Amino acid sequence: MSISSELLELLRCPACVREGEDAGHLELVKDVWLVCQDCGRKYPIRDDIPVMLIEEGDRWRNAPVDSLPETPPEPVV
């Protein structure tokens, strides 16, 4: 199951949404990543649930989109 287009329209990057109503648009990549078009943070989707924690997005921020794994790894605890 993938993120529905309706949900994708509603979701915003939690780090960027503070900037304004139109900030933080996300793009679905590889069906398991949400990539912020403004800041480049990358949020994994685990078990069909977007993990929208800024710390999680920061973890992948500098990773090139094409190098993101097909299956997001489990979170570091």
Protein backbone atom coordinates (compact mmCIF):
# COMPACT_ATOMS: atom_id res chain seq x y z
CA MET A 1 0.00 0.00 0.00
CA SER A 2 1.27 3.45 -0.84
CA ILE A 3 0.37 6.91 0.41
CA SER A 4 -2.82 8.14 -1.23
CA SER A 5 -2.63 11.27 -3.35
CA GLU A 6 -5.15 12.94 -1.01
CA LEU A 7 -2.91 12.34 2.01
CA LEU A 8 0.16 13.47 0.08
CA GLU A 9 -1.60 16.75 -0.70
CA LEU A 10 -2.21 17.34 3.02
CA LEU A 11 1.17 16.32 4.45
CA ARG A 12 3.90 18.93 4.87
CA CYS A 13 7.43 18.82 6.20
CA PRO A 14 7.14 19.64 9.92
CA ALA A 15 10.38 21.65 9.80
CA CYS A 16 9.26 23.86 6.91
CA VAL A 17 5.56 24.29 7.60
CA ARG A 18 6.47 26.90 10.21
CA GLU A 19 7.69 29.08 7.35
CA GLY A 20 4.23 29.48 5.91
CA GLU A 21 1.15 27.76 4.65
CA ASP A 22 2.62 26.94 1.25
CA ALA A 23 5.98 25.59 2.51
CA GLY A 24 7.15 22.02 2.96
CA HIS A 25 5.57 20.24 0.00
CA LEU A 26 6.52 16.57 -0.10
CA GLU A 27 7.20 14.28 -3.03
CA LEU A 28 6.75 10.51 -2.83
CA VAL A 29 9.94 8.70 -3.85
CA LYS A 30 10.35 4.94 -4.29
CA ASP A 31 6.93 4.52 -2.62
CA VAL A 32 8.63 4.60 0.81
CA TRP A 33 10.11 8.09 1.17
CA LEU A 34 8.60 11.56 1.47
CA VAL A 35 11.10 14.17 0.28
CA CYS A 36 10.64 17.83 1.16
CA GLN A 37 10.93 20.03 -1.91
CA ASP A 38 12.09 22.99 0.21
CA CYS A 39 14.69 21.70 2.69
CA GLY A 40 15.59 18.26 1.33
CA ARG A 41 14.67 16.31 4.46
CA LYS A 42 13.63 12.75 3.70
CA TYR A 43 10.99 11.03 5.82
CA PRO A 44 10.62 7.24 5.64
CA ILE A 45 7.31 5.42 5.41
CA ARG A 46 7.35 2.33 7.65
CA ASP A 47 4.46 -0.12 7.73
CA ASP A 48 2.42 2.34 5.61
CA ILE A 49 2.90 5.10 8.23
CA PRO A 50 4.88 8.26 7.39
CA VAL A 51 7.47 8.92 10.09
CA MET A 52 7.24 12.72 10.18
CA LEU A 53 9.79 13.39 12.93
CA ILE A 54 12.23 16.18 12.13
CA GLU A 55 15.07 14.12 13.62
CA GLU A 56 14.26 11.30 11.21
CA GLY A 57 14.19 13.70 8.25
CA ASP A 58 17.52 15.17 9.36
CA ARG A 59 19.08 11.71 9.35
CA TRP A 60 18.62 11.45 5.57
CA ARG A 61 18.84 15.10 4.62
CA ASN A 62 22.23 14.90 2.89
CA ALA A 63 21.59 11.57 1.17
CA PRO A 64 21.01 11.86 -2.58
CA VAL A 65 17.49 10.76 -3.52
CA ASP A 66 18.77 8.07 -5.88
CA SER A 67 20.82 6.51 -3.07
CA LEU A 68 17.90 6.10 -0.67
CA PRO A 69 17.27 2.44 0.18
CA GLU A 70 14.22 0.71 -1.30
CA THR A 71 13.20 -0.26 2.24
CA PRO A 72 13.85 2.29 4.98
CA PRO A 73 15.98 0.89 7.79
CA GLU A 74 14.59 0.65 11.28
CA PRO A 75 15.06 3.75 13.46
CA VAL A 76 18.15 4.15 15.60
CA VAL A 77 17.28 3.89 19.28
